[in-house]
Amino acid sequence: MKNSLEIIKKAEKDLHGIFEEIEEIRDYNQEKVLNAFIENRVAPEHFYTVSGYGHDDIGREVLDKVFADVFKAEKALVRIHFASGTHTLACCLFGNLRPGDKLISVVGSPYDTMQEVIGTLGDDETKEDSLIAHGIIYEEVPLKNNDVDLTGIANAVDENTTMVLIQRSKGYSTRKSLSIETIGKICEIVKRKNPDCICFVDNCYGEFVDSKEPLEVGADLIAGSLIKNPGGGIVEAGGYIAGKSRLVDRSANRLTAPGIGCEGGAMFNQHRLIFQGLFMAPSVVSDAVKGAILAAKIFEEIGYDSYPKFNEKRTDIIQNIIFNAPEPLEEFCRTIQSFSPVNGYVTPIPEYIPGYEDKVIMAGGTFIEGSTIELSADGPIRPPYVAYMQGGLNYAHVKIALKKFLEKIDN
């Protein structure tokens, strides 16, 4: 095999034009974020916090407004109280669905943790607390040729459909992640069949990868995690919800309580980090995307089946590598772990994790636990044994890790 540095240099040369396009998206999104800060007059007093009930927190109010402007929403809810992306999504679902309402996942089965929220996976105790146990009717539109079935969606949605769940990123599956254009087509089809149906997009891993967000193409509600893209790699916890005011308010009532909604909740001195993380996010996401594209190019060069392909349009930060056996999947994750800034000496092993049906191996030497905007790789121990590589606080780190991986397999 060629010298690892030569392989990377050649790949970078071939990718020069594609990288320029990614940087144009970065610049557009950075200006959009900057304008939201300026328009909302963000100032040092918005970094201060209040205690107790969290009443009259001007920093929290401005933070919500900045996020709403960035994502083109009527309203946004940005809170550290969300334990995870799944928790954030669950608040949207439980907040806006009532017994007898119908929810349709229009991109096949959602990822494992969401299936437990819905009630199609999990033990008996978990299922007792699920949407289905609360009287929500749930259906799925299966994938067609491992891709979204637009005709199937048109046939499934009717006047009784209350909400459709649109998962932008592929999760632990081999389908394509949804482009903004495809999300727009789905919303158009749904609204044509039922104008009152809520189009809810799980936006995790997708923020700032494109120059538009789902609310700009017809979605009513979006949600995501602050330890993924929009936190810029420095936010310690939390999530966001954005969209139509009434839908956000209902979600807030689920997070707190009716009568409190968006108006309560001390933020524990986290305002500045969240503001700063959002400001950094377009550049961090751009570097992560460039790292994923470099990985796709290199894996193709050395004979791995990897996707998206290096020259495909991106809609999230995830790169799939198919190993077709558990051993190479585990070895890849261990290699990524060994070149992480935190816990680089630790050897990851497959283990059962709450919310997942299969054992999962996770390489995550991250500054913030579970942060997938930082370079990480993981995958369930099930066929076809796919590694899901994502993140990278800077392009140089991804490049170094890939170089070390090439050196390792060459020995």
Protein backbone atom coordinates (compact mmCIF):
# COMPACT_ATOMS: atom_id res chain seq x y z
CA MET A 1 0.00 0.00 0.00
CA LYS A 2 1.12 3.57 -0.62
CA ASN A 3 2.45 5.67 2.20
CA SER A 4 -0.50 6.84 4.30
CA LEU A 5 0.45 10.49 3.97
CA GLU A 6 0.60 10.16 0.18
CA ILE A 7 -2.89 8.65 0.12
CA ILE A 8 -4.26 11.53 2.19
CA LYS A 9 -2.50 14.22 0.16
CA LYS A 10 -3.81 12.78 -3.09
CA ALA A 11 -7.32 12.55 -1.66
CA GLU A 12 -7.20 16.16 -0.50
CA LYS A 13 -6.07 17.29 -3.92
CA ASP A 14 -8.95 15.44 -5.55
CA LEU A 15 -11.40 16.91 -3.03
CA HIS A 16 -10.36 20.56 -3.39
CA GLY A 17 -13.47 21.61 -5.32
CA ILE A 18 -15.84 19.75 -3.01
CA PHE A 19 -14.20 21.30 0.05
CA GLU A 20 -14.72 24.75 -1.44
CA GLU A 21 -18.46 24.05 -1.72
CA ILE A 22 -18.57 22.94 1.93
CA GLU A 23 -16.80 26.14 2.96
CA GLU A 24 -19.34 28.23 1.05
CA ILE A 25 -22.13 26.59 3.07
CA ARG A 26 -20.11 27.27 6.24
CA ASP A 27 -19.74 30.95 5.40
CA TYR A 28 -23.45 31.31 4.61
CA ASN A 29 -24.47 29.65 7.88
CA GLN A 30 -21.92 31.63 9.88
CA GLU A 31 -23.35 34.90 8.59
CA LYS A 32 -26.87 33.69 9.35
CA VAL A 33 -25.90 32.92 12.95
CA LEU A 34 -23.99 36.19 13.32
CA ASN A 35 -26.97 38.18 12.06
CA ALA A 36 -29.24 36.46 14.61
CA PHE A 37 -26.88 37.52 17.41
CA ILE A 38 -26.74 41.10 16.15
CA GLU A 39 -30.51 41.41 15.55
CA ASN A 40 -31.27 40.16 19.06
CA ARG A 41 -28.67 42.46 20.63
CA VAL A 42 -26.82 39.70 22.49
CA ALA A 43 -24.83 41.31 25.31
CA PRO A 44 -22.80 40.23 28.38
CA GLU A 45 -25.86 40.56 30.61
CA HIS A 46 -27.40 37.67 28.69
CA PHE A 47 -24.65 35.36 29.97
CA TYR A 48 -25.73 35.82 33.58
CA THR A 49 -28.16 33.44 35.19
CA VAL A 50 -30.86 33.28 37.81
CA SER A 51 -31.53 30.61 40.43
CA GLY A 52 -34.50 28.76 41.82
CA TYR A 53 -37.54 28.81 39.58
CA GLY A 54 -35.64 30.61 36.84
CA HIS A 55 -38.16 33.39 36.44
CA ASP A 56 -37.31 36.57 34.50
CA ASP A 57 -34.20 35.10 32.90
CA ILE A 58 -33.45 37.57 30.10
CA GLY A 59 -30.54 35.48 28.83
CA ARG A 60 -32.76 32.44 28.37
CA GLU A 61 -35.35 34.53 26.54
CA VAL A 62 -32.79 35.97 24.12
CA LEU A 63 -31.22 32.55 23.60
CA ASP A 64 -34.59 31.19 22.52
CA LYS A 65 -35.03 34.12 20.12
CA VAL A 66 -31.58 33.63 18.57
CA PHE A 67 -32.26 29.95 17.92
CA ALA A 68 -35.68 30.81 16.48
CA ASP A 69 -34.11 33.27 14.06
CA VAL A 70 -31.32 30.87 13.02
CA PHE A 71 -33.76 28.04 12.28
CA LYS A 72 -36.47 30.34 10.82
CA ALA A 73 -38.98 29.39 13.51
CA GLU A 74 -41.86 31.23 15.14
CA LYS A 75 -40.48 30.11 18.50
CA ALA A 76 -37.69 28.02 19.99
CA LEU A 77 -37.05 26.30 23.30
CA VAL A 78 -33.36 25.82 24.21
CA ARG A 79 -32.73 24.09 27.52
CA ILE A 80 -29.99 22.18 29.29
CA HIS A 81 -32.72 20.18 31.04
CA PHE A 82 -33.09 17.87 28.06
CA ALA A 83 -31.11 14.74 28.95
CA SER A 84 -30.51 13.73 25.33
CA GLY A 85 -31.76 14.09 21.79
CA THR A 86 -34.22 11.27 22.47
CA HIS A 87 -35.60 13.15 25.49
CA THR A 88 -36.02 16.28 23.37
CA LEU A 89 -37.88 14.35 20.67
CA ALA A 90 -40.02 12.58 23.26
CA CYS A 91 -41.18 15.94 24.66
CA CYS A 92 -42.32 16.92 21.16
CA LEU A 93 -44.19 13.66 20.69
CA PHE A 94 -45.84 13.42 24.11
CA GLY A 95 -46.51 17.15 24.12
CA ASN A 96 -48.35 17.23 20.81
CA LEU A 97 -50.08 13.85 20.61
CA ARG A 98 -53.20 12.79 22.52
CA PRO A 99 -54.94 9.42 22.97
CA GLY A 100 -56.46 8.37 19.66
CA ASP A 101 -54.09 10.50 17.57
CA LYS A 102 -52.15 8.80 14.79
CA LEU A 103 -48.40 9.07 14.33
CA ILE A 104 -46.72 7.79 11.17
CA SER A 105 -42.98 7.33 10.77
CA VAL A 106 -42.56 8.01 7.05
CA VAL A 107 -38.99 6.70 6.72
CA GLY A 108 -39.42 3.17 8.03
CA SER A 109 -38.46 2.32 11.59
CA PRO A 110 -36.77 5.09 13.56
CA TYR A 111 -33.61 4.35 15.51
CA ASP A 112 -33.69 2.07 18.52
CA THR A 113 -34.14 4.62 21.32
CA MET A 114 -37.09 6.21 19.54
CA GLN A 115 -38.72 2.83 19.05
CA GLU A 116 -38.72 2.46 22.84
CA VAL A 117 -40.37 5.88 23.19
CA ILE A 118 -43.00 4.82 20.65
CA GLY A 119 -43.44 1.36 22.15
CA THR A 120 -42.37 -0.99 19.36
CA LEU A 121 -39.24 -2.05 21.24
CA GLY A 122 -38.29 -2.45 24.86
CA ASP A 123 -39.23 -4.59 27.85
CA ASP A 124 -42.71 -4.70 29.34
CA GLU A 125 -41.95 -1.97 31.87
CA THR A 126 -40.66 0.40 29.19
CA LYS A 127 -43.62 -0.28 26.93
CA GLU A 128 -46.02 0.67 29.73
CA ASP A 129 -44.74 4.25 29.48
CA SER A 130 -44.63 4.47 25.68
CA LEU A 131 -46.74 6.45 23.24
CA ILE A 132 -48.65 3.33 22.23
CA ALA A 133 -49.47 2.63 25.89
CA HIS A 134 -50.89 6.16 26.09
CA GLY A 135 -53.31 5.39 23.27
CA ILE A 136 -51.36 6.77 20.32
CA ILE A 137 -51.92 4.90 17.07
CA TYR A 138 -48.62 4.21 15.35
CA GLU A 139 -47.84 3.21 11.78
CA GLU A 140 -44.77 3.11 9.53
CA VAL A 141 -44.23 3.64 5.84
CA PRO A 142 -41.63 1.00 4.92
CA LEU A 143 -38.61 1.95 2.88
CA LYS A 144 -38.60 1.10 -0.83
CA ASN A 145 -35.28 -0.10 -2.19
CA ASN A 146 -33.76 1.12 1.07
CA ASP A 147 -34.94 4.67 0.42
CA VAL A 148 -37.93 6.82 1.31
CA ASP A 149 -41.13 5.80 -0.49
CA LEU A 150 -42.90 9.00 -1.52
CA THR A 151 -45.82 7.15 -3.09
CA GLY A 152 -46.19 5.05 0.05
CA ILE A 153 -46.30 8.23 2.14
CA ALA A 154 -49.05 9.68 -0.05
CA ASN A 155 -51.07 6.50 0.37
CA ALA A 156 -50.54 6.30 4.15
CA VAL A 157 -51.38 9.87 5.19
CA ASP A 158 -55.07 10.68 5.54
CA GLU A 159 -57.37 13.03 7.44
CA ASN A 160 -56.83 10.99 10.63
CA THR A 161 -53.05 11.41 10.63
CA THR A 162 -52.04 13.81 13.40
CA MET A 163 -48.27 13.83 12.93
CA VAL A 164 -45.59 12.39 10.69
CA LEU A 165 -42.12 11.69 12.09
CA ILE A 166 -39.33 12.46 9.62
CA GLN A 167 -35.94 11.25 10.79
CA ARG A 168 -33.36 13.23 8.82
CA SER A 169 -30.33 11.11 9.63
CA LYS A 170 -30.13 7.40 8.94
CA GLY A 171 -29.50 6.34 12.54
CA TYR A 172 -28.28 2.75 12.83
CA SER A 173 -29.58 1.80 9.41
CA THR A 174 -28.21 1.58 5.89
CA ARG A 175 -30.78 3.85 4.23
CA LYS A 176 -29.83 7.23 2.86
CA SER A 177 -30.12 10.21 5.15
CA LEU A 178 -32.74 12.66 3.94
CA SER A 179 -31.67 15.74 2.02
CA ILE A 180 -33.42 19.05 2.66
CA GLU A 181 -34.99 18.68 -0.79
CA THR A 182 -36.43 15.28 0.11
CA ILE A 183 -37.76 16.59 3.43
CA GLY A 184 -39.46 19.35 1.46
CA LYS A 185 -41.07 16.82 -0.88
CA ILE A 186 -42.32 14.77 2.07
CA CYS A 187 -43.85 17.84 3.73
CA GLU A 188 -45.51 18.86 0.45
CA ILE A 189 -47.06 15.41 0.03
CA VAL A 190 -48.25 15.30 3.65
CA LYS A 191 -49.78 18.77 3.56
CA ARG A 192 -51.53 18.03 0.27
CA LYS A 193 -53.21 15.00 1.86
CA ASN A 194 -53.83 16.63 5.26
CA PRO A 195 -53.04 20.35 5.77
CA ASP A 196 -53.45 19.99 9.53
CA CYS A 197 -50.95 17.15 9.92
CA ILE A 198 -47.81 18.10 11.88
CA CYS A 199 -44.57 17.50 10.00
CA PHE A 200 -42.04 16.82 12.75
CA VAL A 201 -38.36 16.46 11.81
CA ASP A 202 -35.73 14.80 13.97
CA ASN A 203 -32.93 17.17 12.94
CA CYS A 204 -30.11 15.46 14.87
CA TYR A 205 -26.75 15.38 13.03
CA GLY A 206 -28.08 17.63 10.26
CA GLU A 207 -27.87 21.20 11.55
CA PHE A 208 -25.69 23.52 9.42
CA VAL A 209 -24.69 20.79 6.96
CA ASP A 210 -26.82 22.51 4.31
CA SER A 211 -27.70 26.15 3.77
CA LYS A 212 -31.35 25.51 4.67
CA GLU A 213 -33.05 23.84 7.63
CA PRO A 214 -36.27 21.76 7.57
CA LEU A 215 -38.57 24.57 8.73
CA GLU A 216 -37.65 26.46 5.55
CA VAL A 217 -39.05 23.68 3.34
CA GLY A 218 -42.37 23.01 5.04
CA ALA A 219 -41.70 21.30 8.39
CA ASP A 220 -43.75 22.47 11.39
CA LEU A 221 -41.48 21.34 14.20
CA ILE A 222 -37.82 20.30 14.57
CA ALA A 223 -35.71 19.14 17.46
CA GLY A 224 -32.12 18.20 18.16
CA SER A 225 -29.36 17.79 20.72
CA LEU A 226 -26.93 20.45 21.89
CA ILE A 227 -24.12 17.90 22.24
CA LYS A 228 -24.36 17.35 18.50
CA ASN A 229 -24.04 19.96 15.74
CA PRO A 230 -25.61 23.13 17.21
CA GLY A 231 -23.56 23.00 20.41
CA GLY A 232 -20.31 23.53 18.54
CA GLY A 233 -18.57 20.91 20.66
CA ILE A 234 -18.54 22.97 23.87
CA VAL A 235 -22.11 22.81 25.19
CA GLU A 236 -22.25 20.34 28.06
CA ALA A 237 -25.85 19.12 27.79
CA GLY A 238 -29.30 19.92 26.52
CA GLY A 239 -31.43 20.17 23.43
CA TYR A 240 -33.54 22.52 21.37
CA ILE A 241 -37.02 22.53 19.85
CA ALA A 242 -38.10 25.04 17.19
CA GLY A 243 -41.11 25.59 14.99
CA LYS A 244 -44.65 26.86 15.24
CA SER A 245 -45.34 28.60 18.54
CA ARG A 246 -48.20 26.39 19.71
CA LEU A 247 -46.28 23.19 19.00
CA VAL A 248 -43.21 24.45 20.85
CA ASP A 249 -45.38 25.54 23.81
CA ARG A 250 -46.96 22.10 24.04
CA SER A 251 -43.52 20.50 23.98
CA ALA A 252 -42.38 22.87 26.74
CA ASN A 253 -45.34 21.84 28.88
CA ARG A 254 -44.12 18.27 28.62
CA LEU A 255 -40.59 19.24 29.67
CA THR A 256 -41.79 21.30 32.65
CA ALA A 257 -45.52 21.44 33.42
CA PRO A 258 -48.67 23.13 32.15
CA GLY A 259 -48.63 26.69 33.45
CA ILE A 260 -44.83 26.77 33.50
CA GLY A 261 -43.98 25.86 29.92
CA CYS A 262 -41.14 28.02 28.57
CA GLU A 263 -41.17 30.43 31.52
CA GLY A 264 -39.31 28.39 34.14
CA GLY A 265 -36.12 26.47 34.65
CA ALA A 266 -32.83 27.81 35.97
CA MET A 267 -30.02 27.41 33.43
CA PHE A 268 -27.13 26.95 35.90
CA ASN A 269 -24.70 29.42 34.32
CA GLN A 270 -24.78 27.72 30.92
CA HIS A 271 -25.97 30.66 28.81
CA ARG A 272 -22.56 31.75 27.58
CA LEU A 273 -21.53 28.25 26.55
CA ILE A 274 -24.73 27.73 24.58
CA PHE A 275 -24.47 31.11 22.86
CA GLN A 276 -20.80 30.52 22.07
CA GLY A 277 -21.37 26.92 20.96
CA LEU A 278 -24.04 28.03 18.51
CA PHE A 279 -21.74 30.73 17.16
CA MET A 280 -18.96 28.17 16.63
CA ALA A 281 -21.25 25.50 15.18
CA PRO A 282 -21.11 26.35 11.45
CA SER A 283 -17.31 26.10 11.40
CA VAL A 284 -17.18 22.96 13.55
CA VAL A 285 -19.83 21.24 11.43
CA SER A 286 -17.98 22.22 8.26
CA ASP A 287 -14.78 20.59 9.52
CA ALA A 288 -16.70 17.46 10.52
CA VAL A 289 -18.27 17.24 7.06
CA LYS A 290 -14.90 17.70 5.36
CA GLY A 291 -13.49 14.95 7.59
CA ALA A 292 -16.32 12.61 6.62
CA ILE A 293 -15.75 13.32 2.93
CA LEU A 294 -12.02 12.66 3.31
CA ALA A 295 -12.83 9.38 5.06
CA ALA A 296 -15.22 8.38 2.25
CA LYS A 297 -12.56 9.06 -0.36
CA ILE A 298 -9.86 7.15 1.51
CA PHE A 299 -12.05 4.13 2.27
CA GLU A 300 -13.00 3.94 -1.40
CA GLU A 301 -9.32 4.06 -2.35
CA ILE A 302 -8.44 1.13 -0.07
CA GLY A 303 -11.41 -1.04 -1.02
CA TYR A 304 -13.99 -0.53 1.70
CA ASP A 305 -17.70 -0.16 0.95
CA SER A 306 -18.49 3.24 2.40
CA TYR A 307 -21.29 5.76 1.99
CA PRO A 308 -22.27 8.42 1.33
CA LYS A 309 -19.72 8.44 -1.46
CA PHE A 310 -17.20 11.26 -1.33
CA ASN A 311 -18.89 13.13 -4.19
CA GLU A 312 -22.48 12.80 -2.94
CA LYS A 313 -24.33 15.77 -1.47
CA ARG A 314 -24.28 15.69 2.33
CA THR A 315 -27.19 16.18 4.71
CA ASP A 316 -25.59 15.03 7.97
CA ILE A 317 -22.16 14.42 9.51
CA ILE A 318 -22.29 10.61 9.49
CA GLN A 319 -20.08 8.34 7.41
CA ASN A 320 -20.91 4.64 7.13
CA ILE A 321 -18.26 1.97 6.67
CA ILE A 322 -19.53 -1.57 6.05
CA PHE A 323 -17.31 -4.34 7.43
CA ASN A 324 -19.63 -7.39 7.01
CA ALA A 325 -18.14 -9.01 10.13
CA PRO A 326 -17.92 -8.01 13.80
CA GLU A 327 -14.14 -8.26 14.19
CA PRO A 328 -13.09 -5.50 11.74
CA LEU A 329 -15.90 -3.26 13.03
CA GLU A 330 -14.56 -3.63 16.56
CA GLU A 331 -10.97 -3.08 15.42
CA PHE A 332 -11.90 0.12 13.60
CA CYS A 333 -13.66 1.55 16.65
CA ARG A 334 -10.71 0.64 18.85
CA THR A 335 -8.38 2.44 16.44
CA ILE A 336 -10.49 5.60 16.56
CA GLN A 337 -10.55 5.40 20.36
CA SER A 338 -6.80 5.03 20.57
CA PHE A 339 -6.31 8.33 18.72
CA SER A 340 -8.80 10.30 20.81
CA PRO A 341 -7.73 13.18 23.09
CA VAL A 342 -9.63 11.73 26.06
CA ASN A 343 -9.39 8.10 27.19
CA GLY A 344 -7.10 7.24 24.30
CA TYR A 345 -5.71 4.40 26.41
CA VAL A 346 -9.13 2.77 26.86
CA THR A 347 -10.18 -0.27 24.79
CA PRO A 348 -13.88 -0.16 23.86
CA ILE A 349 -15.81 -3.44 23.90
CA PRO A 350 -19.34 -4.27 22.70
CA GLU A 351 -21.92 -3.91 25.44
CA TYR A 352 -25.65 -3.51 25.93
CA ILE A 353 -26.65 0.14 26.25
CA PRO A 354 -30.04 1.42 27.48
CA GLY A 355 -32.31 2.05 24.53
CA TYR A 356 -30.62 -0.40 22.14
CA GLU A 357 -31.62 -3.99 21.44
CA ASP A 358 -28.19 -5.21 20.28
CA LYS A 359 -24.76 -4.83 21.79
CA VAL A 360 -23.11 -1.63 20.63
CA ILE A 361 -19.43 -0.76 20.44
CA MET A 362 -18.66 2.91 20.91
CA ALA A 363 -15.41 4.76 20.39
CA GLY A 364 -15.86 8.13 21.98
CA GLY A 365 -12.78 9.73 23.50
CA THR A 366 -14.69 12.98 23.81
CA PHE A 367 -14.49 15.95 26.16
CA ILE A 368 -18.26 15.72 26.66
CA GLU A 369 -19.74 12.28 27.24
CA GLY A 370 -21.76 11.12 24.24
CA SER A 371 -20.86 14.14 22.13
CA THR A 372 -21.09 13.05 18.51
CA ILE A 373 -19.96 16.35 17.04
CA GLU A 374 -16.59 15.24 18.41
CA LEU A 375 -14.80 12.51 16.45
CA SER A 376 -16.35 9.20 17.34
CA ALA A 377 -17.32 5.89 15.81
CA ASP A 378 -19.84 3.31 16.88
CA GLY A 379 -22.06 0.57 15.61
CA PRO A 380 -24.44 -2.18 16.72
CA ILE A 381 -23.08 -5.70 16.65
CA ARG A 382 -25.49 -6.95 14.01
CA PRO A 383 -25.26 -7.55 10.23
CA PRO A 384 -24.02 -5.94 8.06
CA TYR A 385 -21.71 -4.68 10.84
CA VAL A 386 -21.60 -1.01 9.95
CA ALA A 387 -19.35 1.53 11.66
CA TYR A 388 -20.94 4.95 11.94
CA MET A 389 -18.17 7.52 12.03
CA GLN A 390 -19.13 11.08 12.83
CA GLY A 391 -17.87 14.39 14.07
CA GLY A 392 -14.54 16.05 14.52
CA LEU A 393 -14.04 19.33 16.34
CA ASN A 394 -11.46 20.17 13.71
CA TYR A 395 -10.50 18.71 10.38
CA ALA A 396 -6.90 18.12 11.45
CA HIS A 397 -7.95 15.60 14.13
CA VAL A 398 -9.97 13.56 11.63
CA LYS A 399 -7.06 13.64 9.22
CA ILE A 400 -4.60 12.43 11.88
CA ALA A 401 -6.91 9.58 12.96
CA LEU A 402 -7.36 8.44 9.36
CA LYS A 403 -3.60 8.56 8.78
CA LYS A 404 -3.02 6.39 11.86
CA PHE A 405 -5.70 3.94 10.73
CA LEU A 406 -4.02 3.60 7.34
CA GLU A 407 -0.68 2.98 9.01
CA LYS A 408 -2.22 0.36 11.27
CA ILE A 409 -3.83 -1.70 8.51
CA ASP A 410 -0.64 -1.44 6.44
CA ASN A 411 1.42 -3.14 9.17
